[in-house]
Protein backbone atom coordinates (compact mmCIF):
# COMPACT_ATOMS: atom_id res chain seq x y z
CA MET A 1 14.96 9.37 -50.65
CA MET A 2 16.34 12.61 -52.55
CA ARG A 3 19.01 10.34 -53.92
CA ALA A 4 16.46 8.42 -55.95
CA PHE A 5 14.58 11.35 -56.76
CA TYR A 6 17.59 13.06 -57.96
CA LEU A 7 19.20 10.33 -59.63
CA THR A 8 16.14 9.34 -61.50
CA LEU A 9 15.83 13.04 -62.82
CA LEU A 10 19.17 13.17 -63.99
CA VAL A 11 18.59 10.27 -66.20
CA LEU A 12 15.14 11.83 -67.38
CA THR A 13 17.09 15.17 -68.11
CA ILE A 14 19.12 13.26 -70.89
CA VAL A 15 15.64 11.71 -71.89
CA PHE A 16 14.10 14.88 -71.92
CA ALA A 17 16.53 16.21 -74.12
CA GLY A 18 16.17 13.59 -76.57
CA VAL A 19 12.44 14.00 -76.61
CA GLU A 20 12.76 17.94 -77.18
CA ILE A 21 15.40 17.11 -80.69
CA PHE A 22 12.65 14.64 -81.55
CA TYR A 23 9.70 17.22 -81.01
CA ALA A 24 11.76 19.96 -82.89
CA GLU A 25 12.59 17.55 -85.74
CA GLU A 26 9.07 16.77 -86.32
CA VAL A 27 7.55 20.16 -86.25
CA GLN A 28 9.89 21.54 -88.36
CA SER A 29 9.49 18.94 -90.74
CA ALA A 30 5.64 19.24 -90.52
CA ARG A 31 5.67 22.65 -91.35
CA TRP A 32 8.12 22.57 -94.22
CA SER A 33 5.67 19.81 -95.87
CA SER A 34 2.42 21.73 -95.30
CA TYR A 35 3.55 23.89 -97.97
CA ASP A 36 2.77 22.89 -101.21
CA TYR A 37 4.47 24.38 -103.82
CA ASN A 38 3.41 22.04 -107.05
CA SER A 39 0.47 23.96 -107.00
CA TYR A 40 1.67 27.26 -107.90
CA ASP A 41 1.17 26.37 -111.96
CA SER A 42 -0.71 29.87 -112.98
CA TYR A 43 1.62 32.48 -111.79
CA GLY A 44 -0.15 35.26 -114.14
CA SER A 45 -3.61 35.08 -112.61
CA SER A 46 -4.29 36.70 -109.10
CA SER A 47 -6.00 33.80 -107.74
CA TYR A 48 -3.52 32.34 -105.03
CA ASP A 49 -6.24 29.94 -103.42
CA SER A 50 -4.30 27.13 -104.63
CA TYR A 51 -1.98 27.38 -101.63
CA GLN A 52 -2.66 24.46 -99.57
CA TYR A 53 -1.36 25.02 -95.64
CA SER A 54 -2.05 22.05 -93.05
CA ASN A 55 -1.60 23.16 -89.47
CA ASP A 56 -0.12 19.69 -88.57
CA ASP A 57 3.18 21.49 -86.77
CA ASP A 58 0.36 23.48 -84.52
CA GLU A 59 -0.60 19.94 -83.15
CA LYS A 60 2.71 18.57 -82.82
CA THR A 61 3.86 22.07 -81.06
CA MET A 62 1.07 21.15 -78.99
CA GLU A 63 1.85 17.94 -78.26
CA ALA A 64 5.23 18.78 -77.55
CA GLY A 65 3.98 21.77 -75.11
CA TYR A 66 2.29 19.08 -73.23
CA ILE A 67 5.04 16.90 -72.79
CA THR A 68 7.75 19.37 -71.95
CA MET A 69 5.10 20.88 -69.25
CA ALA A 70 4.80 17.54 -67.39
CA PHE A 71 8.76 17.20 -67.13
CA PHE A 72 9.11 21.22 -65.98
CA LEU A 73 6.26 20.25 -63.35
CA ILE A 74 8.24 17.50 -62.38
CA TYR A 75 11.36 19.50 -61.85
CA ILE A 76 9.19 22.28 -59.58
CA VAL A 77 8.36 19.18 -57.62
CA VAL A 78 12.05 18.26 -57.06
CA PHE A 79 13.25 21.58 -56.78
CA ILE A 80 10.54 22.23 -53.80
CA LEU A 81 11.29 18.87 -52.28
CA SER A 82 15.17 19.46 -52.11
CA LEU A 83 14.52 22.76 -50.70
CA ILE A 84 12.65 21.39 -48.00
CA LYS A 85 14.60 17.83 -47.32
CA ILE A 86 18.46 19.45 -48.05
CA LYS A 87 19.54 21.61 -45.64
CA LYS A 88 22.92 22.66 -47.05
CA THR A 89 23.00 26.67 -48.17
CA THR A 90 23.97 25.39 -51.31
CA MET A 91 21.39 23.20 -52.32
CA LYS A 92 18.63 26.05 -50.96
CA VAL A 93 20.14 28.42 -53.54
CA PHE A 94 20.42 25.90 -56.45
CA SER A 95 16.72 24.98 -55.40
CA ILE A 96 15.47 28.73 -56.05
CA ILE A 97 17.37 29.30 -58.64
CA GLY A 98 16.29 26.17 -60.26
CA ILE A 99 12.42 26.96 -59.36
CA SER A 100 12.99 30.30 -60.75
CA LEU A 101 14.28 29.39 -64.34
CA THR A 102 11.69 26.25 -64.39
CA ALA A 103 8.79 28.78 -63.94
CA ILE A 104 10.30 30.83 -67.07
CA MET A 105 9.90 27.94 -68.76
CA ILE A 106 6.58 26.94 -67.82
CA LEU A 107 5.47 30.53 -68.91
CA TRP A 108 7.28 30.38 -72.33
CA ASP A 109 5.55 26.77 -72.42
CA GLY A 110 2.35 28.13 -71.89
CA LEU A 111 2.70 30.54 -74.61
CA MET A 112 3.41 28.05 -76.83
CA ILE A 113 0.39 25.86 -76.07
CA ALA A 114 -1.55 29.10 -76.20
CA SER A 115 -0.68 29.94 -79.71
CA PRO A 116 1.07 27.54 -81.24
CA SER A 117 0.71 29.00 -84.85
CA SER A 118 2.80 31.99 -83.37
CA VAL A 119 5.33 29.93 -81.59
CA SER A 120 6.28 26.77 -82.78
CA PHE A 121 8.62 23.95 -80.83
CA ASP A 122 11.26 24.16 -83.50
CA GLU A 123 11.45 27.92 -82.90
CA VAL A 124 11.57 27.61 -78.91
CA ALA A 125 13.67 24.06 -78.74
CA PRO A 126 17.23 25.91 -78.71
CA GLY A 127 16.29 27.88 -75.27
CA TRP A 128 14.36 24.56 -74.33
CA ILE A 129 18.48 22.34 -74.92
CA ILE A 130 19.91 25.11 -73.18
CA PHE A 131 17.44 24.92 -70.41
CA GLN A 132 18.49 21.22 -70.39
CA VAL A 133 22.27 21.76 -70.02
CA VAL A 134 21.76 23.88 -66.96
CA MET A 135 19.33 21.15 -65.47
CA LEU A 136 21.76 18.76 -66.30
CA ALA A 137 24.34 20.20 -63.92
CA PHE A 138 21.50 21.34 -61.28
CA MET A 139 20.89 17.57 -61.21
CA ILE A 140 24.34 16.45 -61.26
CA ILE A 141 25.48 18.89 -58.14
CA GLY A 142 22.23 17.91 -56.04
CA THR A 143 22.89 14.43 -56.96
CA ILE A 144 26.17 14.88 -55.13
CA GLN A 145 24.91 17.26 -52.35
CA ALA A 146 22.17 14.28 -51.97
CA PHE A 147 24.75 11.83 -50.79
CA LYS A 148 26.65 13.99 -48.91
CA ALA A 149 23.61 15.27 -47.05
CA LYS A 150 22.54 12.97 -43.76
CA ALA A 151 19.08 12.45 -45.25
């Protein structure tokens, strides 16, 4: 059972990295397109109300936050299952580290969802990518340990 979970999560980790890159580009594009620089035709006047701002990047940030939250919860479930099912000390250590790192990412994701105008997804995407590289290593080790285990 754990073999199937780890193989599936190994593929999902790679898919998740692609989703992160896609949303980081979408949010950055939405943020830059929300600035309307063509409306500054009266430089000498004191009215700056011609500046137009759209919160499309906030909506995309929240959408990306909900999708990444789902991935993080899947990681938590698999790490808890591997704590229960695989009895090797190596996997217990990796599971505890994985749960800790994923809990930090869930808190960071919750902060991003709660305040998308302050913390946008394109700003946190590098942290998410580093997390994905670490999780990819954990999933490879977990897959190897699951195939070695008698479970």
